[in-house]
Amino acid sequence: QRAGIIFLITTVLVIGYVQFFVSFSEEPALDLSSEEITGLQCDMDS
């Protein structure tokens, strides 16, 4: 039982640490404001 309690506390601390120090926001795979995308959009409009 003591080992289980220690494992649970450790898990809670690890999760808290990860949520506090690690950013889960992902950078967009495609930058729609880049010059290449803007140029292609202009060509398509033309």
All heavy atoms as atom14 arrays in JSON, in Angstrom:
{
  "sequence": "QRAGIIFLITTVLVIGYVQFFVSFSEEPALDLSSEEITGLQCDMDS",
  "atom14_mask": [
    [1, 1, 1, 1, 1, 1, 1, 1, 1, 0, 0, 0, 0, 0],
    [1, 1, 1, 1, 1, 1, 1, 1, 1, 1, 1, 0, 0, 0],
    [1, 1, 1, 1, 1, 0, 0, 0, 0, 0, 0, 0, 0, 0],
    [1, 1, 1, 1, 0, 0, 0, 0, 0, 0, 0, 0, 0, 0],
    [1, 1, 1, 1, 1, 1, 1, 1, 0, 0, 0, 0, 0, 0],
    [1, 1, 1, 1, 1, 1, 1, 1, 0, 0, 0, 0, 0, 0],
    [1, 1, 1, 1, 1, 1, 1, 1, 1, 1, 1, 0, 0, 0],
    [1, 1, 1, 1, 1, 1, 1, 1, 0, 0, 0, 0, 0, 0],
    [1, 1, 1, 1, 1, 1, 1, 1, 0, 0, 0, 0, 0, 0],
    [1, 1, 1, 1, 1, 1, 1, 0, 0, 0, 0, 0, 0, 0],
    [1, 1, 1, 1, 1, 1, 1, 0, 0, 0, 0, 0, 0, 0],
    [1, 1, 1, 1, 1, 1, 1, 0, 0, 0, 0, 0, 0, 0],
    [1, 1, 1, 1, 1, 1, 1, 1, 0, 0, 0, 0, 0, 0],
    [1, 1, 1, 1, 1, 1, 1, 0, 0, 0, 0, 0, 0, 0],
    [1, 1, 1, 1, 1, 1, 1, 1, 0, 0, 0, 0, 0, 0],
    [1, 1, 1, 1, 0, 0, 0, 0, 0, 0, 0, 0, 0, 0],
    [1, 1, 1, 1, 1, 1, 1, 1, 1, 1, 1, 1, 0, 0],
    [1, 1, 1, 1, 1, 1, 1, 0, 0, 0, 0, 0, 0, 0],
    [1, 1, 1, 1, 1, 1, 1, 1, 1, 0, 0, 0, 0, 0],
    [1, 1, 1, 1, 1, 1, 1, 1, 1, 1, 1, 0, 0, 0],
    [1, 1, 1, 1, 1, 1, 1, 1, 1, 1, 1, 0, 0, 0],
    [1, 1, 1, 1, 1, 1, 1, 0, 0, 0, 0, 0, 0, 0],
    [1, 1, 1, 1, 1, 1, 0, 0, 0, 0, 0, 0, 0, 0],
    [1, 1, 1, 1, 1, 1, 1, 1, 1, 1, 1, 0, 0, 0],
    [1, 1, 1, 1, 1, 1, 0, 0, 0, 0, 0, 0, 0, 0],
    [1, 1, 1, 1, 1, 1, 1, 1, 1, 0, 0, 0, 0, 0],
    [1, 1, 1, 1, 1, 1, 1, 1, 1, 0, 0, 0, 0, 0],
    [1, 1, 1, 1, 1, 1, 1, 0, 0, 0, 0, 0, 0, 0],
    [1, 1, 1, 1, 1, 0, 0, 0, 0, 0, 0, 0, 0, 0],
    [1, 1, 1, 1, 1, 1, 1, 1, 0, 0, 0, 0, 0, 0],
    [1, 1, 1, 1, 1, 1, 1, 1, 0, 0, 0, 0, 0, 0],
    [1, 1, 1, 1, 1, 1, 1, 1, 0, 0, 0, 0, 0, 0],
    [1, 1, 1, 1, 1, 1, 0, 0, 0, 0, 0, 0, 0, 0],
    [1, 1, 1, 1, 1, 1, 0, 0, 0, 0, 0, 0, 0, 0],
    [1, 1, 1, 1, 1, 1, 1, 1, 1, 0, 0, 0, 0, 0],
    [1, 1, 1, 1, 1, 1, 1, 1, 1, 0, 0, 0, 0, 0],
    [1, 1, 1, 1, 1, 1, 1, 1, 0, 0, 0, 0, 0, 0],
    [1, 1, 1, 1, 1, 1, 1, 0, 0, 0, 0, 0, 0, 0],
    [1, 1, 1, 1, 0, 0, 0, 0, 0, 0, 0, 0, 0, 0],
    [1, 1, 1, 1, 1, 1, 1, 1, 0, 0, 0, 0, 0, 0],
    [1, 1, 1, 1, 1, 1, 1, 1, 1, 0, 0, 0, 0, 0],
    [1, 1, 1, 1, 1, 1, 0, 0, 0, 0, 0, 0, 0, 0],
    [1, 1, 1, 1, 1, 1, 1, 1, 0, 0, 0, 0, 0, 0],
    [1, 1, 1, 1, 1, 1, 1, 1, 0, 0, 0, 0, 0, 0],
    [1, 1, 1, 1, 1, 1, 1, 1, 0, 0, 0, 0, 0, 0],
    [1, 1, 1, 1, 1, 1, 0, 0, 0, 0, 0, 0, 0, 0]
  ],
  "atom14_positions": [
    [[0.83, -1.2, 0.0], [0.0, 0.0, 0.0], [0.87, 1.25, 0.0], [0.58, 2.23, -0.68], [-0.93, -0.02, 1.21], [-2.03, -1.07, 1.08], [-2.88, -1.16, 2.35], [-2.38, -0.86, 3.46], [-4.13, -1.64, 2.19], [0.0, 0.0, 0.0], [0.0, 0.0, 0.0], [0.0, 0.0, 0.0], [0.0, 0.0, 0.0], [0.0, 0.0, 0.0]],
    [[1.95, 1.22, 0.79], [2.84, 2.38, 0.82], [3.47, 2.61, -0.53], [3.61, 3.75, -0.99], [3.92, 2.16, 1.9], [3.39, 2.26, 3.33], [4.56, 2.43, 4.32], [5.45, 1.27, 4.3], [5.28, 0.18, 5.06], [4.25, 0.09, 5.91], [6.13, -0.81, 5.0], [0.0, 0.0, 0.0], [0.0, 0.0, 0.0], [0.0, 0.0, 0.0]],
    [[3.83, 1.53, -1.2], [4.44, 1.67, -2.54], [3.44, 2.27, -3.51], [3.76, 3.13, -4.36], [4.92, 0.31, -3.03], [0.0, 0.0, 0.0], [0.0, 0.0, 0.0], [0.0, 0.0, 0.0], [0.0, 0.0, 0.0], [0.0, 0.0, 0.0], [0.0, 0.0, 0.0], [0.0, 0.0, 0.0], [0.0, 0.0, 0.0], [0.0, 0.0, 0.0]],
    [[2.18, 1.88, -3.39], [1.14, 2.43, -4.28], [0.92, 3.9, -4.03], [0.75, 4.69, -4.97], [0.0, 0.0, 0.0], [0.0, 0.0, 0.0], [0.0, 0.0, 0.0], [0.0, 0.0, 0.0], [0.0, 0.0, 0.0], [0.0, 0.0, 0.0], [0.0, 0.0, 0.0], [0.0, 0.0, 0.0], [0.0, 0.0, 0.0], [0.0, 0.0, 0.0]],
    [[0.92, 4.28, -2.72], [0.72, 5.71, -2.4], [1.88, 6.54, -2.95], [1.68, 7.61, -3.52], [0.57, 5.89, -0.89], [-0.73, 5.23, -0.41], [0.61, 7.36, -0.51], [-0.88, 5.19, 1.1], [0.0, 0.0, 0.0], [0.0, 0.0, 0.0], [0.0, 0.0, 0.0], [0.0, 0.0, 0.0], [0.0, 0.0, 0.0], [0.0, 0.0, 0.0]],
    [[3.11, 6.03, -2.78], [4.28, 6.75, -3.27], [4.21, 6.91, -4.8], [4.49, 7.96, -5.36], [5.57, 6.04, -2.85], [5.73, 6.1, -1.31], [6.79, 6.64, -3.54], [6.88, 5.26, -0.76], [0.0, 0.0, 0.0], [0.0, 0.0, 0.0], [0.0, 0.0, 0.0], [0.0, 0.0, 0.0], [0.0, 0.0, 0.0], [0.0, 0.0, 0.0]],
    [[3.76, 5.83, -5.49], [3.66, 5.87, -6.95], [2.61, 6.9, -7.4], [2.81, 7.66, -8.36], [3.3, 4.49, -7.49], [3.08, 4.46, -8.96], [4.17, 4.47, -9.84], [1.79, 4.45, -9.49], [3.94, 4.46, -11.2], [1.57, 4.43, -10.83], [2.65, 4.45, -11.72], [0.0, 0.0, 0.0], [0.0, 0.0, 0.0], [0.0, 0.0, 0.0]],
    [[1.49, 6.95, -6.65], [0.43, 7.9, -6.99], [0.9, 9.33, -6.81], [0.66, 10.2, -7.65], [-0.8, 7.61, -6.12], [-1.99, 8.56, -6.33], [-2.5, 8.48, -7.76], [-3.1, 8.21, -5.34], [0.0, 0.0, 0.0], [0.0, 0.0, 0.0], [0.0, 0.0, 0.0], [0.0, 0.0, 0.0], [0.0, 0.0, 0.0], [0.0, 0.0, 0.0]],
    [[1.58, 9.59, -5.67], [2.07, 10.94, -5.41], [3.09, 11.36, -6.46], [3.08, 12.47, -6.98], [2.68, 11.03, -4.0], [1.57, 10.82, -2.94], [3.37, 12.36, -3.77], [2.09, 10.72, -1.52], [0.0, 0.0, 0.0], [0.0, 0.0, 0.0], [0.0, 0.0, 0.0], [0.0, 0.0, 0.0], [0.0, 0.0, 0.0], [0.0, 0.0, 0.0]],
    [[3.97, 10.4, -6.81], [4.99, 10.7, -7.82], [4.34, 11.03, -9.17], [4.74, 11.97, -9.88], [5.94, 9.51, -7.98], [6.53, 9.21, -6.7], [7.02, 9.81, -9.0], [0.0, 0.0, 0.0], [0.0, 0.0, 0.0], [0.0, 0.0, 0.0], [0.0, 0.0, 0.0], [0.0, 0.0, 0.0], [0.0, 0.0, 0.0], [0.0, 0.0, 0.0]],
    [[3.31, 10.26, -9.51], [2.62, 10.49, -10.79], [1.96, 11.87, -10.83], [2.04, 12.59, -11.83], [1.56, 9.41, -11.02], [2.19, 8.12, -11.01], [0.83, 9.61, -12.35], [0.0, 0.0, 0.0], [0.0, 0.0, 0.0], [0.0, 0.0, 0.0], [0.0, 0.0, 0.0], [0.0, 0.0, 0.0], [0.0, 0.0, 0.0], [0.0, 0.0, 0.0]],
    [[1.32, 12.23, -9.7], [0.67, 13.56, -9.63], [1.7, 14.67, -9.76], [1.48, 15.66, -10.46], [-0.13, 13.68, -8.33], [-0.62, 15.1, -8.13], [-1.29, 12.7, -8.32], [0.0, 0.0, 0.0], [0.0, 0.0, 0.0], [0.0, 0.0, 0.0], [0.0, 0.0, 0.0], [0.0, 0.0, 0.0], [0.0, 0.0, 0.0], [0.0, 0.0, 0.0]],
    [[2.86, 14.51, -9.11], [3.89, 15.53, -9.2], [4.46, 15.65, -10.63], [4.71, 16.75, -11.12], [5.02, 15.2, -8.21], [4.64, 15.33, -6.72], [5.82, 14.87, -5.84], [4.28, 16.78, -6.4], [0.0, 0.0, 0.0], [0.0, 0.0, 0.0], [0.0, 0.0, 0.0], [0.0, 0.0, 0.0], [0.0, 0.0, 0.0], [0.0, 0.0, 0.0]],
    [[4.67, 14.51, -11.25], [5.2, 14.53, -12.63], [4.22, 15.22, -13.58], [4.6, 16.04, -14.41], [5.52, 13.1, -13.1], [5.83, 13.1, -14.6], [6.69, 12.54, -12.31], [0.0, 0.0, 0.0], [0.0, 0.0, 0.0], [0.0, 0.0, 0.0], [0.0, 0.0, 0.0], [0.0, 0.0, 0.0], [0.0, 0.0, 0.0], [0.0, 0.0, 0.0]],
    [[2.95, 14.87, -13.45], [1.94, 15.49, -14.32], [1.87, 17.0, -14.09], [1.79, 17.8, -15.03], [0.57, 14.84, -14.09], [0.58, 13.39, -14.58], [-0.53, 15.61, -14.8], [-0.69, 12.62, -14.24], [0.0, 0.0, 0.0], [0.0, 0.0, 0.0], [0.0, 0.0, 0.0], [0.0, 0.0, 0.0], [0.0, 0.0, 0.0], [0.0, 0.0, 0.0]],
    [[1.9, 17.39, -12.81], [1.88, 18.82, -12.51], [3.09, 19.53, -13.08], [3.01, 20.65, -13.59], [0.0, 0.0, 0.0], [0.0, 0.0, 0.0], [0.0, 0.0, 0.0], [0.0, 0.0, 0.0], [0.0, 0.0, 0.0], [0.0, 0.0, 0.0], [0.0, 0.0, 0.0], [0.0, 0.0, 0.0], [0.0, 0.0, 0.0], [0.0, 0.0, 0.0]],
    [[4.27, 18.88, -12.97], [5.49, 19.48, -13.5], [5.4, 19.65, -15.01], [5.76, 20.7, -15.56], [6.69, 18.59, -13.13], [8.0, 19.07, -13.71], [8.75, 20.05, -13.05], [8.48, 18.55, -14.92], [9.95, 20.49, -13.6], [9.67, 18.99, -15.47], [10.41, 19.96, -14.81], [11.58, 20.4, -15.35], [0.0, 0.0, 0.0], [0.0, 0.0, 0.0]],
    [[4.93, 18.6, -15.67], [4.84, 18.66, -17.13], [3.87, 19.75, -17.58], [4.14, 20.51, -18.5], [4.41, 17.28, -17.69], [4.06, 17.39, -19.16], [5.52, 16.26, -17.45], [0.0, 0.0, 0.0], [0.0, 0.0, 0.0], [0.0, 0.0, 0.0], [0.0, 0.0, 0.0], [0.0, 0.0, 0.0], [0.0, 0.0, 0.0], [0.0, 0.0, 0.0]],
    [[2.71, 19.84, -16.92], [1.74, 20.86, -17.3], [2.26, 22.27, -17.04], [1.91, 23.2, -17.75], [0.43, 20.63, -16.51], [-0.34, 19.4, -16.97], [-1.63, 19.25, -16.19], [-1.77, 19.8, -15.09], [-2.56, 18.46, -16.75], [0.0, 0.0, 0.0], [0.0, 0.0, 0.0], [0.0, 0.0, 0.0], [0.0, 0.0, 0.0], [0.0, 0.0, 0.0]],
    [[3.08, 22.43, -16.03], [3.54, 23.77, -15.68], [4.73, 24.21, -16.53], [4.82, 25.37, -16.94], [3.93, 23.8, -14.19], [4.29, 25.17, -13.7], [3.29, 26.09, -13.38], [5.62, 25.55, -13.57], [3.64, 27.35, -12.93], [5.95, 26.81, -13.13], [4.96, 27.73, -12.81], [0.0, 0.0, 0.0], [0.0, 0.0, 0.0], [0.0, 0.0, 0.0]],
    [[5.64, 23.28, -16.82], [6.88, 23.67, -17.5], [6.91, 23.33, -18.99], [7.74, 23.86, -19.72], [8.09, 22.99, -16.81], [8.33, 23.52, -15.43], [7.92, 22.79, -14.32], [8.98, 24.73, -15.24], [8.15, 23.27, -13.04], [9.22, 25.2, -13.97], [8.81, 24.47, -12.85], [0.0, 0.0, 0.0], [0.0, 0.0, 0.0], [0.0, 0.0, 0.0]],
    [[6.04, 22.48, -19.44], [6.08, 22.07, -20.85], [4.89, 22.68, -21.59], [3.74, 22.57, -21.13], [6.04, 20.53, -20.99], [6.03, 20.14, -22.48], [7.24, 19.94, -20.27], [0.0, 0.0, 0.0], [0.0, 0.0, 0.0], [0.0, 0.0, 0.0], [0.0, 0.0, 0.0], [0.0, 0.0, 0.0], [0.0, 0.0, 0.0], [0.0, 0.0, 0.0]],
    [[5.16, 23.36, -22.74], [4.1, 23.97, -23.55], [3.62, 22.97, -24.6], [4.41, 22.39, -25.34], [4.63, 25.23, -24.25], [3.66, 25.76, -25.11], [0.0, 0.0, 0.0], [0.0, 0.0, 0.0], [0.0, 0.0, 0.0], [0.0, 0.0, 0.0], [0.0, 0.0, 0.0], [0.0, 0.0, 0.0], [0.0, 0.0, 0.0], [0.0, 0.0, 0.0]],
    [[2.29, 22.77, -24.63], [1.7, 21.84, -25.6], [1.15, 22.55, -26.84], [0.53, 21.93, -27.69], [0.57, 21.04, -24.92], [1.07, 20.05, -23.92], [1.15, 20.39, -22.58], [1.49, 18.8, -24.32], [1.6, 19.48, -21.66], [1.94, 17.89, -23.4], [2.0, 18.22, -22.05], [0.0, 0.0, 0.0], [0.0, 0.0, 0.0], [0.0, 0.0, 0.0]],
    [[1.32, 23.89, -26.94], [0.82, 24.62, -28.13], [1.69, 24.26, -29.32], [2.91, 24.34, -29.26], [0.86, 26.13, -27.87], [2.18, 26.56, -27.63], [0.0, 0.0, 0.0], [0.0, 0.0, 0.0], [0.0, 0.0, 0.0], [0.0, 0.0, 0.0], [0.0, 0.0, 0.0], [0.0, 0.0, 0.0], [0.0, 0.0, 0.0], [0.0, 0.0, 0.0]],
    [[1.02, 23.87, -30.43], [1.74, 23.47, -31.63], [1.83, 24.62, -32.62], [0.89, 25.38, -32.8], [1.01, 22.3, -32.3], [0.98, 21.05, -31.45], [0.31, 19.92, -32.19], [-0.14, 20.17, -33.34], [0.22, 18.82, -31.63], [0.0, 0.0, 0.0], [0.0, 0.0, 0.0], [0.0, 0.0, 0.0], [0.0, 0.0, 0.0], [0.0, 0.0, 0.0]],
    [[2.99, 24.77, -33.2], [3.16, 25.77, -34.26], [2.43, 25.3, -35.51], [2.44, 24.11, -35.82], [4.66, 25.95, -34.58], [5.46, 26.58, -33.46], [5.05, 28.01, -33.21], [4.59, 28.66, -34.18], [5.16, 28.48, -32.06], [0.0, 0.0, 0.0], [0.0, 0.0, 0.0], [0.0, 0.0, 0.0], [0.0, 0.0, 0.0], [0.0, 0.0, 0.0]],
    [[1.74, 26.17, -36.24], [1.04, 25.75, -37.46], [2.01, 25.17, -38.48], [3.12, 25.66, -38.65], [0.39, 27.06, -38.0], [1.19, 28.16, -37.37], [1.64, 27.64, -36.03], [0.0, 0.0, 0.0], [0.0, 0.0, 0.0], [0.0, 0.0, 0.0], [0.0, 0.0, 0.0], [0.0, 0.0, 0.0], [0.0, 0.0, 0.0], [0.0, 0.0, 0.0]],
    [[1.57, 24.08, -39.09], [2.44, 23.43, -40.07], [2.65, 24.3, -41.3], [3.66, 24.17, -41.99], [1.83, 22.09, -40.48], [0.0, 0.0, 0.0], [0.0, 0.0, 0.0], [0.0, 0.0, 0.0], [0.0, 0.0, 0.0], [0.0, 0.0, 0.0], [0.0, 0.0, 0.0], [0.0, 0.0, 0.0], [0.0, 0.0, 0.0], [0.0, 0.0, 0.0]],
    [[1.68, 25.26, -41.61], [1.75, 26.09, -42.8], [1.51, 27.53, -42.42], [0.48, 27.86, -41.82], [0.71, 25.64, -43.83], [0.77, 26.32, -45.2], [2.08, 26.0, -45.9], [-0.41, 25.87, -46.06], [0.0, 0.0, 0.0], [0.0, 0.0, 0.0], [0.0, 0.0, 0.0], [0.0, 0.0, 0.0], [0.0, 0.0, 0.0], [0.0, 0.0, 0.0]],
    [[2.46, 28.4, -42.74], [2.33, 29.83, -42.43], [1.6, 30.52, -43.57], [2.17, 30.75, -44.64], [3.72, 30.44, -42.23], [3.63, 31.9, -41.78], [2.49, 32.37, -41.53], [4.68, 32.57, -41.71], [0.0, 0.0, 0.0], [0.0, 0.0, 0.0], [0.0, 0.0, 0.0], [0.0, 0.0, 0.0], [0.0, 0.0, 0.0], [0.0, 0.0, 0.0]],
    [[0.32, 30.84, -43.36], [-0.49, 31.44, -44.42], [-0.1, 32.87, -44.73], [-0.54, 33.41, -45.74], [-1.98, 31.39, -44.01], [-2.57, 29.99, -43.81], [-4.01, 30.1, -43.37], [-2.44, 29.17, -45.09], [0.0, 0.0, 0.0], [0.0, 0.0, 0.0], [0.0, 0.0, 0.0], [0.0, 0.0, 0.0], [0.0, 0.0, 0.0], [0.0, 0.0, 0.0]],
    [[0.71, 33.47, -43.87], [1.12, 34.86, -44.12], [2.47, 34.96, -44.81], [2.98, 36.05, -45.03], [1.17, 35.62, -42.79], [2.15, 35.05, -41.92], [0.0, 0.0, 0.0], [0.0, 0.0, 0.0], [0.0, 0.0, 0.0], [0.0, 0.0, 0.0], [0.0, 0.0, 0.0], [0.0, 0.0, 0.0], [0.0, 0.0, 0.0], [0.0, 0.0, 0.0]],
    [[3.05, 33.82, -45.18], [4.36, 33.86, -45.82], [4.25, 34.43, -47.23], [3.18, 34.46, -47.85], [4.94, 32.44, -45.88], [4.13, 31.61, -46.71], [0.0, 0.0, 0.0], [0.0, 0.0, 0.0], [0.0, 0.0, 0.0], [0.0, 0.0, 0.0], [0.0, 0.0, 0.0], [0.0, 0.0, 0.0], [0.0, 0.0, 0.0], [0.0, 0.0, 0.0]],
    [[5.39, 34.9, -47.77], [5.4, 35.5, -49.1], [5.02, 34.49, -50.17], [4.33, 34.83, -51.15], [6.79, 36.07, -49.4], [7.18, 37.25, -48.51], [8.53, 37.81, -48.9], [9.13, 37.29, -49.87], [8.98, 38.77, -48.25], [0.0, 0.0, 0.0], [0.0, 0.0, 0.0], [0.0, 0.0, 0.0], [0.0, 0.0, 0.0], [0.0, 0.0, 0.0]],
    [[5.44, 33.23, -50.01], [5.12, 32.22, -51.02], [3.6, 31.98, -51.1], [3.03, 31.93, -52.19], [5.83, 30.9, -50.68], [7.34, 30.95, -50.81], [8.01, 31.56, -49.6], [7.29, 31.89, -48.63], [9.23, 31.69, -49.61], [0.0, 0.0, 0.0], [0.0, 0.0, 0.0], [0.0, 0.0, 0.0], [0.0, 0.0, 0.0], [0.0, 0.0, 0.0]],
    [[2.97, 31.84, -49.92], [1.53, 31.6, -49.91], [0.78, 32.82, -50.44], [-0.18, 32.7, -51.21], [1.05, 31.26, -48.49], [1.73, 29.97, -48.0], [-0.46, 31.11, -48.46], [1.43, 28.76, -48.87], [0.0, 0.0, 0.0], [0.0, 0.0, 0.0], [0.0, 0.0, 0.0], [0.0, 0.0, 0.0], [0.0, 0.0, 0.0], [0.0, 0.0, 0.0]],
    [[1.21, 34.03, -50.04], [0.56, 35.25, -50.52], [0.67, 35.38, -52.04], [-0.28, 35.75, -52.73], [1.18, 36.48, -49.85], [1.1, 36.34, -48.42], [0.45, 37.75, -50.28], [0.0, 0.0, 0.0], [0.0, 0.0, 0.0], [0.0, 0.0, 0.0], [0.0, 0.0, 0.0], [0.0, 0.0, 0.0], [0.0, 0.0, 0.0], [0.0, 0.0, 0.0]],
    [[1.85, 35.04, -52.58], [2.04, 35.1, -54.03], [1.15, 34.13, -54.77], [0.56, 34.45, -55.81], [0.0, 0.0, 0.0], [0.0, 0.0, 0.0], [0.0, 0.0, 0.0], [0.0, 0.0, 0.0], [0.0, 0.0, 0.0], [0.0, 0.0, 0.0], [0.0, 0.0, 0.0], [0.0, 0.0, 0.0], [0.0, 0.0, 0.0], [0.0, 0.0, 0.0]],
    [[1.07, 32.89, -54.25], [0.2, 31.88, -54.88], [-1.26, 32.31, -54.85], [-2.01, 32.08, -55.8], [0.38, 30.53, -54.19], [1.72, 29.82, -54.42], [1.82, 28.58, -53.54], [1.87, 29.43, -55.9], [0.0, 0.0, 0.0], [0.0, 0.0, 0.0], [0.0, 0.0, 0.0], [0.0, 0.0, 0.0], [0.0, 0.0, 0.0], [0.0, 0.0, 0.0]],
    [[-1.66, 32.92, -53.72], [-3.05, 33.37, -53.62], [-3.36, 34.46, -54.64], [-4.44, 34.47, -55.26], [-3.31, 33.89, -52.19], [-4.76, 34.24, -51.92], [-5.66, 33.03, -51.97], [-5.3, 31.98, -51.46], [-6.82, 33.17, -52.58], [0.0, 0.0, 0.0], [0.0, 0.0, 0.0], [0.0, 0.0, 0.0], [0.0, 0.0, 0.0], [0.0, 0.0, 0.0]],
    [[-2.41, 35.36, -54.84], [-2.6, 36.42, -55.84], [-2.71, 35.84, -57.24], [-3.53, 36.28, -58.06], [-1.44, 37.42, -55.76], [-1.43, 38.42, -54.25], [0.0, 0.0, 0.0], [0.0, 0.0, 0.0], [0.0, 0.0, 0.0], [0.0, 0.0, 0.0], [0.0, 0.0, 0.0], [0.0, 0.0, 0.0], [0.0, 0.0, 0.0], [0.0, 0.0, 0.0]],
    [[-1.85, 34.84, -57.53], [-1.91, 34.2, -58.86], [-3.27, 33.52, -59.07], [-3.85, 33.6, -60.17], [-0.79, 33.16, -58.99], [0.59, 33.83, -59.04], [0.64, 35.03, -59.34], [1.59, 33.13, -58.78], [0.0, 0.0, 0.0], [0.0, 0.0, 0.0], [0.0, 0.0, 0.0], [0.0, 0.0, 0.0], [0.0, 0.0, 0.0], [0.0, 0.0, 0.0]],
    [[-3.77, 32.84, -58.03], [-5.07, 32.17, -58.15], [-6.19, 33.18, -58.35], [-7.11, 32.96, -59.16], [-5.33, 31.32, -56.9], [-4.4, 30.12, -56.76], [-4.68, 29.2, -55.23], [-6.37, 28.65, -55.48], [0.0, 0.0, 0.0], [0.0, 0.0, 0.0], [0.0, 0.0, 0.0], [0.0, 0.0, 0.0], [0.0, 0.0, 0.0], [0.0, 0.0, 0.0]],
    [[-6.12, 34.31, -57.65], [-7.14, 35.35, -57.82], [-7.11, 35.91, -59.23], [-8.15, 36.18, -59.84], [-6.93, 36.48, -56.8], [-7.21, 36.01, -55.38], [-7.91, 35.0, -55.23], [-6.73, 36.67, -54.44], [0.0, 0.0, 0.0], [0.0, 0.0, 0.0], [0.0, 0.0, 0.0], [0.0, 0.0, 0.0], [0.0, 0.0, 0.0], [0.0, 0.0, 0.0]],
    [[-5.9, 36.1, -59.78], [-5.77, 36.63, -61.14], [-6.36, 35.66, -62.16], [-7.06, 36.07, -63.1], [-4.3, 36.9, -61.46], [-3.75, 37.84, -60.57], [0.0, 0.0, 0.0], [0.0, 0.0, 0.0], [0.0, 0.0, 0.0], [0.0, 0.0, 0.0], [0.0, 0.0, 0.0], [0.0, 0.0, 0.0], [0.0, 0.0, 0.0], [0.0, 0.0, 0.0]]
  ]
}
